[in-house]
Amino acid sequence: MEAMSQTPKYKARFSTKLPSGDFLGVTIFPGKSDPNAEVVSVQVRRQTGEGWETISRIAIYRTPDGRYSLLPERQAPATPAKAEAVEVGASGESYE
């Protein structure tokens, strides 16, 4: 088995504590399909009793030629569906 490299996956990381106690962080990652591109991730995080909570996040993609575009929001991890009681024959909208 090969040992994993200890180098960080990001190019740069900066953070500062806001007056509210939350933390503002900026991280620059290399592009996945083009290492000359970059993804700039900006997020506000809050320390809770259980760890860290992301309050808000934005990610921007920079192409190697310097064009920027907003990346779509990351999807939250899937959680198991809750079982709900369904009434058979309940009235509701019909799509016929």
Protein backbone atom coordinates (compact mmCIF):
# COMPACT_ATOMS: atom_id res chain seq x y z
CA MET A 1 0.00 0.00 0.00
CA GLU A 2 1.36 3.43 -0.94
CA ALA A 3 1.58 6.21 1.66
CA MET A 4 -0.61 9.22 0.96
CA SER A 5 1.04 12.57 0.33
CA GLN A 6 0.73 15.10 3.14
CA THR A 7 0.57 18.09 0.77
CA PRO A 8 -2.66 20.09 1.03
CA LYS A 9 -5.22 19.87 -1.76
CA TYR A 10 -5.57 23.65 -1.82
CA LYS A 11 -3.22 26.31 -3.20
CA ALA A 12 -3.92 28.92 -0.52
CA ARG A 13 -6.19 29.38 2.50
CA PHE A 14 -7.01 32.51 4.53
CA SER A 15 -9.47 33.14 7.35
CA THR A 16 -10.43 35.85 9.81
CA LYS A 17 -12.76 36.05 12.77
CA LEU A 18 -15.74 38.36 12.25
CA PRO A 19 -17.14 40.63 14.99
CA SER A 20 -20.11 38.22 15.29
CA GLY A 21 -17.73 35.40 16.28
CA ASP A 22 -18.20 33.60 12.95
CA PHE A 23 -15.22 32.91 10.68
CA LEU A 24 -14.82 34.12 7.08
CA GLY A 25 -12.63 31.82 5.03
CA VAL A 26 -11.25 31.96 1.49
CA THR A 27 -9.65 28.88 -0.09
CA ILE A 28 -8.15 28.55 -3.58
CA PHE A 29 -8.14 25.07 -5.10
CA PRO A 30 -6.63 23.91 -8.41
CA GLY A 31 -9.23 23.01 -11.06
CA LYS A 32 -10.11 19.30 -11.23
CA SER A 33 -10.07 18.90 -15.00
CA ASP A 34 -7.52 21.67 -15.66
CA PRO A 35 -4.90 22.24 -12.95
CA ASN A 36 -4.19 25.70 -14.43
CA ALA A 37 -7.77 26.75 -13.58
CA GLU A 38 -8.78 27.63 -10.02
CA VAL A 39 -11.81 27.41 -7.77
CA VAL A 40 -12.14 30.18 -5.19
CA SER A 41 -14.33 29.14 -2.27
CA VAL A 42 -15.59 31.74 0.22
CA GLN A 43 -17.53 30.62 3.28
CA VAL A 44 -18.78 31.82 6.64
CA ARG A 45 -18.60 29.17 9.36
CA ARG A 46 -19.70 29.06 12.98
CA GLN A 47 -18.34 26.91 15.76
CA THR A 48 -21.10 24.99 17.51
CA GLY A 49 -21.06 22.54 20.38
CA GLU A 50 -20.98 19.68 17.86
CA GLY A 51 -18.28 21.08 15.55
CA TRP A 52 -18.52 23.57 12.69
CA GLU A 53 -21.59 24.75 10.80
CA THR A 54 -21.34 26.40 7.37
CA ILE A 55 -23.57 29.48 7.42
CA SER A 56 -23.04 30.54 3.80
CA ARG A 57 -20.81 29.56 0.90
CA ILE A 58 -20.00 30.76 -2.62
CA ALA A 59 -17.62 29.20 -5.16
CA ILE A 60 -16.17 30.89 -8.23
CA TYR A 61 -14.38 29.18 -11.12
CA ARG A 62 -11.48 30.93 -12.86
CA THR A 63 -10.41 29.57 -16.23
CA PRO A 64 -6.71 29.54 -17.17
CA ASP A 65 -7.34 32.57 -19.41
CA GLY A 66 -8.79 34.57 -16.50
CA ARG A 67 -12.57 34.30 -17.04
CA TYR A 68 -14.74 33.91 -13.92
CA SER A 69 -18.06 32.14 -13.41
CA LEU A 70 -20.22 31.32 -10.40
CA LEU A 71 -20.40 27.61 -9.60
CA PRO A 72 -23.71 26.07 -8.54
CA GLU A 73 -24.24 25.46 -4.83
CA ARG A 74 -23.04 22.14 -3.50
CA GLN A 75 -25.83 19.73 -2.65
CA ALA A 76 -26.23 18.86 1.01
CA PRO A 77 -25.39 15.24 1.86
CA ALA A 78 -28.32 12.94 1.31
CA THR A 79 -30.25 12.06 4.43
CA PRO A 80 -32.46 9.01 4.73
CA ALA A 81 -36.06 9.70 3.79
CA LYS A 82 -38.49 9.92 6.70
CA ALA A 83 -41.42 7.57 6.53
CA GLU A 84 -44.69 9.46 6.30
CA ALA A 85 -48.22 8.15 6.58
CA VAL A 86 -50.16 8.46 3.32
CA GLU A 87 -53.92 8.30 3.27
CA VAL A 88 -55.19 6.16 0.40
CA GLY A 89 -57.98 7.85 -1.55
CA ALA A 90 -57.26 11.27 -0.08
CA SER A 91 -58.66 14.18 -2.02
CA GLY A 92 -56.15 16.40 -3.74
CA GLU A 93 -55.14 17.69 -7.13
CA SER A 94 -55.61 15.44 -10.12
CA TYR A 95 -53.33 15.44 -13.13
CA GLU A 96 -55.31 13.82 -15.93
